[in-house]
Amino acid sequence: MQTEGVHTARGKIWRWNRKRATGIVESTTGYQIWFGLDSLRGRKLDDINLGDVVDVEYEFAQQDSHDRRAVLITWVES
């Protein structure tokens, strides 16, 4: 498994804490990717919902109990 650089995945918003502006994306392959406010790039906090389908660029980096951290999240419009 390559751990250097930025990787991409599709997933869904699995957990969202509006108060902390952090959450978890669960990828289609089952990985959990932590994200924070800086990866949202202008998305309004009230516009984030559990189950939203997203594309996520992430890196292997320890964040809390997770080993993947989002760099950029893009919402997939249906």
N, C-alpha and C. Protein backbone atom coordinates (compact mmCIF):
# COMPACT_ATOMS: atom_id res chain seq x y z
N MET A 1 0.84 -1.18 0.00
CA MET A 1 0.00 0.00 0.00
C MET A 1 0.88 1.24 0.00
N GLN A 2 0.59 2.17 -0.88
CA GLN A 2 1.34 3.42 -0.97
C GLN A 2 0.84 4.37 0.11
N THR A 3 1.76 4.90 0.92
CA THR A 3 1.36 5.81 1.99
C THR A 3 1.86 7.23 1.79
N GLU A 4 2.62 7.48 0.74
CA GLU A 4 3.14 8.82 0.46
C GLU A 4 2.18 9.59 -0.44
N GLY A 5 2.11 10.90 -0.26
CA GLY A 5 1.34 11.75 -1.15
C GLY A 5 -0.15 11.77 -0.85
N VAL A 6 -0.89 12.33 -1.80
CA VAL A 6 -2.33 12.50 -1.66
C VAL A 6 -3.04 11.40 -2.45
N HIS A 7 -4.08 10.84 -1.86
CA HIS A 7 -4.88 9.77 -2.46
C HIS A 7 -6.31 10.26 -2.61
N THR A 8 -7.10 9.56 -3.42
CA THR A 8 -8.50 9.94 -3.61
C THR A 8 -9.41 8.76 -3.34
N ALA A 9 -10.62 9.08 -2.91
CA ALA A 9 -11.63 8.05 -2.65
C ALA A 9 -13.01 8.69 -2.74
N ARG A 10 -13.99 7.86 -2.98
CA ARG A 10 -15.38 8.29 -2.90
C ARG A 10 -15.95 7.68 -1.63
N GLY A 11 -16.85 8.42 -1.01
CA GLY A 11 -17.45 7.91 0.21
C GLY A 11 -18.67 8.73 0.60
N LYS A 12 -19.09 8.53 1.85
CA LYS A 12 -20.25 9.24 2.39
C LYS A 12 -19.87 9.86 3.73
N ILE A 13 -20.53 10.98 4.02
CA ILE A 13 -20.35 11.58 5.35
C ILE A 13 -20.96 10.60 6.34
N TRP A 14 -20.14 10.07 7.21
CA TRP A 14 -20.55 9.03 8.16
C TRP A 14 -20.79 9.62 9.55
N ARG A 15 -19.99 10.60 9.92
CA ARG A 15 -20.14 11.28 11.20
C ARG A 15 -19.88 12.76 10.98
N TRP A 16 -20.67 13.60 11.67
CA TRP A 16 -20.48 15.03 11.53
C TRP A 16 -20.77 15.70 12.87
N ASN A 17 -19.81 16.47 13.37
CA ASN A 17 -19.95 17.23 14.60
C ASN A 17 -19.89 18.70 14.24
N ARG A 18 -21.05 19.31 14.10
CA ARG A 18 -21.11 20.71 13.66
C ARG A 18 -20.41 21.62 14.65
N LYS A 19 -20.56 21.35 15.94
CA LYS A 19 -19.97 22.20 16.98
C LYS A 19 -18.44 22.26 16.85
N ARG A 20 -17.83 21.11 16.55
CA ARG A 20 -16.37 21.04 16.40
C ARG A 20 -15.92 21.23 14.95
N ALA A 21 -16.87 21.20 14.02
CA ALA A 21 -16.58 21.29 12.58
C ALA A 21 -15.61 20.20 12.15
N THR A 22 -15.87 18.98 12.64
CA THR A 22 -15.08 17.81 12.25
C THR A 22 -16.02 16.65 11.96
N GLY A 23 -15.51 15.69 11.21
CA GLY A 23 -16.33 14.53 10.89
C GLY A 23 -15.51 13.41 10.30
N ILE A 24 -16.23 12.38 9.86
CA ILE A 24 -15.62 11.20 9.28
C ILE A 24 -16.32 10.89 7.95
N VAL A 25 -15.52 10.65 6.93
CA VAL A 25 -16.02 10.11 5.66
C VAL A 25 -15.72 8.62 5.69
N GLU A 26 -16.73 7.80 5.37
CA GLU A 26 -16.48 6.37 5.20
C GLU A 26 -16.39 6.11 3.70
N SER A 27 -15.23 5.63 3.26
CA SER A 27 -15.03 5.40 1.83
C SER A 27 -15.80 4.17 1.38
N THR A 28 -15.96 4.03 0.07
CA THR A 28 -16.67 2.87 -0.47
C THR A 28 -15.92 1.57 -0.19
N THR A 29 -14.63 1.68 0.14
CA THR A 29 -13.84 0.48 0.49
C THR A 29 -13.80 0.24 2.00
N GLY A 30 -14.52 1.08 2.77
CA GLY A 30 -14.64 0.86 4.20
C GLY A 30 -13.66 1.61 5.09
N TYR A 31 -12.77 2.40 4.50
CA TYR A 31 -11.83 3.19 5.31
C TYR A 31 -12.53 4.41 5.88
N GLN A 32 -12.14 4.79 7.08
CA GLN A 32 -12.65 6.01 7.69
C GLN A 32 -11.60 7.10 7.58
N ILE A 33 -12.03 8.24 7.05
CA ILE A 33 -11.14 9.37 6.80
C ILE A 33 -11.63 10.57 7.60
N TRP A 34 -10.79 11.04 8.51
CA TRP A 34 -11.12 12.20 9.35
C TRP A 34 -11.08 13.47 8.52
N PHE A 35 -12.00 14.41 8.79
CA PHE A 35 -11.91 15.72 8.13
C PHE A 35 -12.23 16.84 9.11
N GLY A 36 -11.68 17.99 8.81
CA GLY A 36 -11.92 19.19 9.60
C GLY A 36 -12.33 20.34 8.71
N LEU A 37 -12.58 21.45 9.33
CA LEU A 37 -13.08 22.63 8.64
C LEU A 37 -12.21 23.03 7.45
N ASP A 38 -10.91 22.90 7.57
CA ASP A 38 -10.01 23.35 6.50
C ASP A 38 -10.16 22.56 5.21
N SER A 39 -10.70 21.34 5.27
CA SER A 39 -10.87 20.53 4.05
C SER A 39 -12.20 20.80 3.35
N LEU A 40 -13.07 21.59 3.96
CA LEU A 40 -14.40 21.83 3.39
C LEU A 40 -14.41 22.90 2.32
N ARG A 41 -13.44 23.79 2.34
CA ARG A 41 -13.25 24.83 1.32
C ARG A 41 -14.54 25.56 0.96
N GLY A 42 -15.15 26.21 1.95
CA GLY A 42 -16.29 27.06 1.67
C GLY A 42 -17.65 26.41 1.83
N ARG A 43 -17.72 25.13 2.06
CA ARG A 43 -19.02 24.49 2.26
C ARG A 43 -19.61 25.01 3.56
N LYS A 44 -20.86 25.42 3.55
CA LYS A 44 -21.51 25.91 4.76
C LYS A 44 -21.77 24.75 5.71
N LEU A 45 -21.52 24.98 6.99
CA LEU A 45 -21.68 23.93 7.99
C LEU A 45 -23.10 23.37 8.02
N ASP A 46 -24.09 24.23 7.76
CA ASP A 46 -25.49 23.77 7.76
C ASP A 46 -25.83 22.94 6.54
N ASP A 47 -24.95 22.92 5.53
CA ASP A 47 -25.20 22.17 4.30
C ASP A 47 -24.54 20.80 4.29
N ILE A 48 -24.03 20.36 5.44
CA ILE A 48 -23.37 19.06 5.55
C ILE A 48 -24.34 18.10 6.24
N ASN A 49 -24.61 16.97 5.59
CA ASN A 49 -25.57 16.01 6.13
C ASN A 49 -24.99 14.61 6.10
N LEU A 50 -25.36 13.81 7.08
CA LEU A 50 -24.97 12.40 7.08
C LEU A 50 -25.50 11.76 5.81
N GLY A 51 -24.67 10.94 5.19
CA GLY A 51 -25.06 10.26 3.96
C GLY A 51 -24.72 11.01 2.69
N ASP A 52 -24.31 12.28 2.79
CA ASP A 52 -23.88 13.02 1.59
C ASP A 52 -22.76 12.25 0.89
N VAL A 53 -22.85 12.14 -0.43
CA VAL A 53 -21.81 11.47 -1.21
C VAL A 53 -20.74 12.50 -1.56
N VAL A 54 -19.48 12.13 -1.30
CA VAL A 54 -18.37 13.05 -1.51
C VAL A 54 -17.19 12.34 -2.16
N ASP A 55 -16.37 13.14 -2.84
CA ASP A 55 -15.04 12.71 -3.26
C ASP A 55 -14.08 13.36 -2.29
N VAL A 56 -13.11 12.59 -1.83
CA VAL A 56 -12.18 13.11 -0.83
C VAL A 56 -10.74 12.86 -1.26
N GLU A 57 -9.94 13.90 -1.14
CA GLU A 57 -8.50 13.76 -1.30
C GLU A 57 -7.96 13.68 0.12
N TYR A 58 -7.11 12.68 0.38
CA TYR A 58 -6.63 12.47 1.75
C TYR A 58 -5.17 12.07 1.75
N GLU A 59 -4.59 12.16 2.94
CA GLU A 59 -3.21 11.73 3.14
C GLU A 59 -3.17 10.81 4.35
N PHE A 60 -2.14 9.99 4.40
CA PHE A 60 -1.94 9.15 5.57
C PHE A 60 -1.29 10.00 6.64
N ALA A 61 -2.06 10.33 7.66
CA ALA A 61 -1.57 11.15 8.76
C ALA A 61 -2.44 10.84 9.97
N GLN A 62 -1.84 10.71 11.12
CA GLN A 62 -2.58 10.39 12.34
C GLN A 62 -3.41 11.59 12.77
N GLN A 63 -4.69 11.38 12.98
CA GLN A 63 -5.58 12.41 13.49
C GLN A 63 -6.54 11.73 14.45
N ASP A 64 -6.39 12.02 15.73
CA ASP A 64 -7.14 11.31 16.77
C ASP A 64 -6.85 9.82 16.61
N SER A 65 -7.88 9.00 16.50
CA SER A 65 -7.66 7.55 16.36
C SER A 65 -7.65 7.10 14.90
N HIS A 66 -7.62 8.03 13.97
CA HIS A 66 -7.68 7.71 12.54
C HIS A 66 -6.32 7.93 11.88
N ASP A 67 -6.03 7.12 10.86
CA ASP A 67 -4.73 7.23 10.19
C ASP A 67 -4.83 7.87 8.80
N ARG A 68 -6.02 8.38 8.47
CA ARG A 68 -6.21 9.08 7.20
C ARG A 68 -6.88 10.42 7.50
N ARG A 69 -6.38 11.48 6.86
CA ARG A 69 -6.90 12.83 7.10
C ARG A 69 -7.20 13.49 5.76
N ALA A 70 -8.40 14.04 5.63
CA ALA A 70 -8.82 14.69 4.39
C ALA A 70 -8.05 15.98 4.15
N VAL A 71 -7.71 16.20 2.89
CA VAL A 71 -7.09 17.44 2.44
C VAL A 71 -8.16 18.31 1.77
N LEU A 72 -9.03 17.67 1.00
CA LEU A 72 -10.09 18.39 0.27
C LEU A 72 -11.29 17.46 0.10
N ILE A 73 -12.46 18.00 0.39
CA ILE A 73 -13.71 17.25 0.20
C ILE A 73 -14.55 17.99 -0.83
N THR A 74 -15.04 17.25 -1.83
CA THR A 74 -15.89 17.80 -2.88
C THR A 74 -17.19 17.02 -2.89
N TRP A 75 -18.30 17.73 -2.84
CA TRP A 75 -19.60 17.07 -2.83
C TRP A 75 -19.96 16.62 -4.23
N VAL A 76 -20.49 15.40 -4.33
CA VAL A 76 -20.96 14.84 -5.59
C VAL A 76 -22.44 15.20 -5.69
N GLU A 77 -22.76 16.02 -6.64
CA GLU A 77 -24.16 16.46 -6.81
C GLU A 77 -24.94 15.39 -7.56
N SER A 78 -26.13 15.11 -7.05
CA SER A 78 -26.95 14.06 -7.68
C SER A 78 -27.86 14.62 -8.74
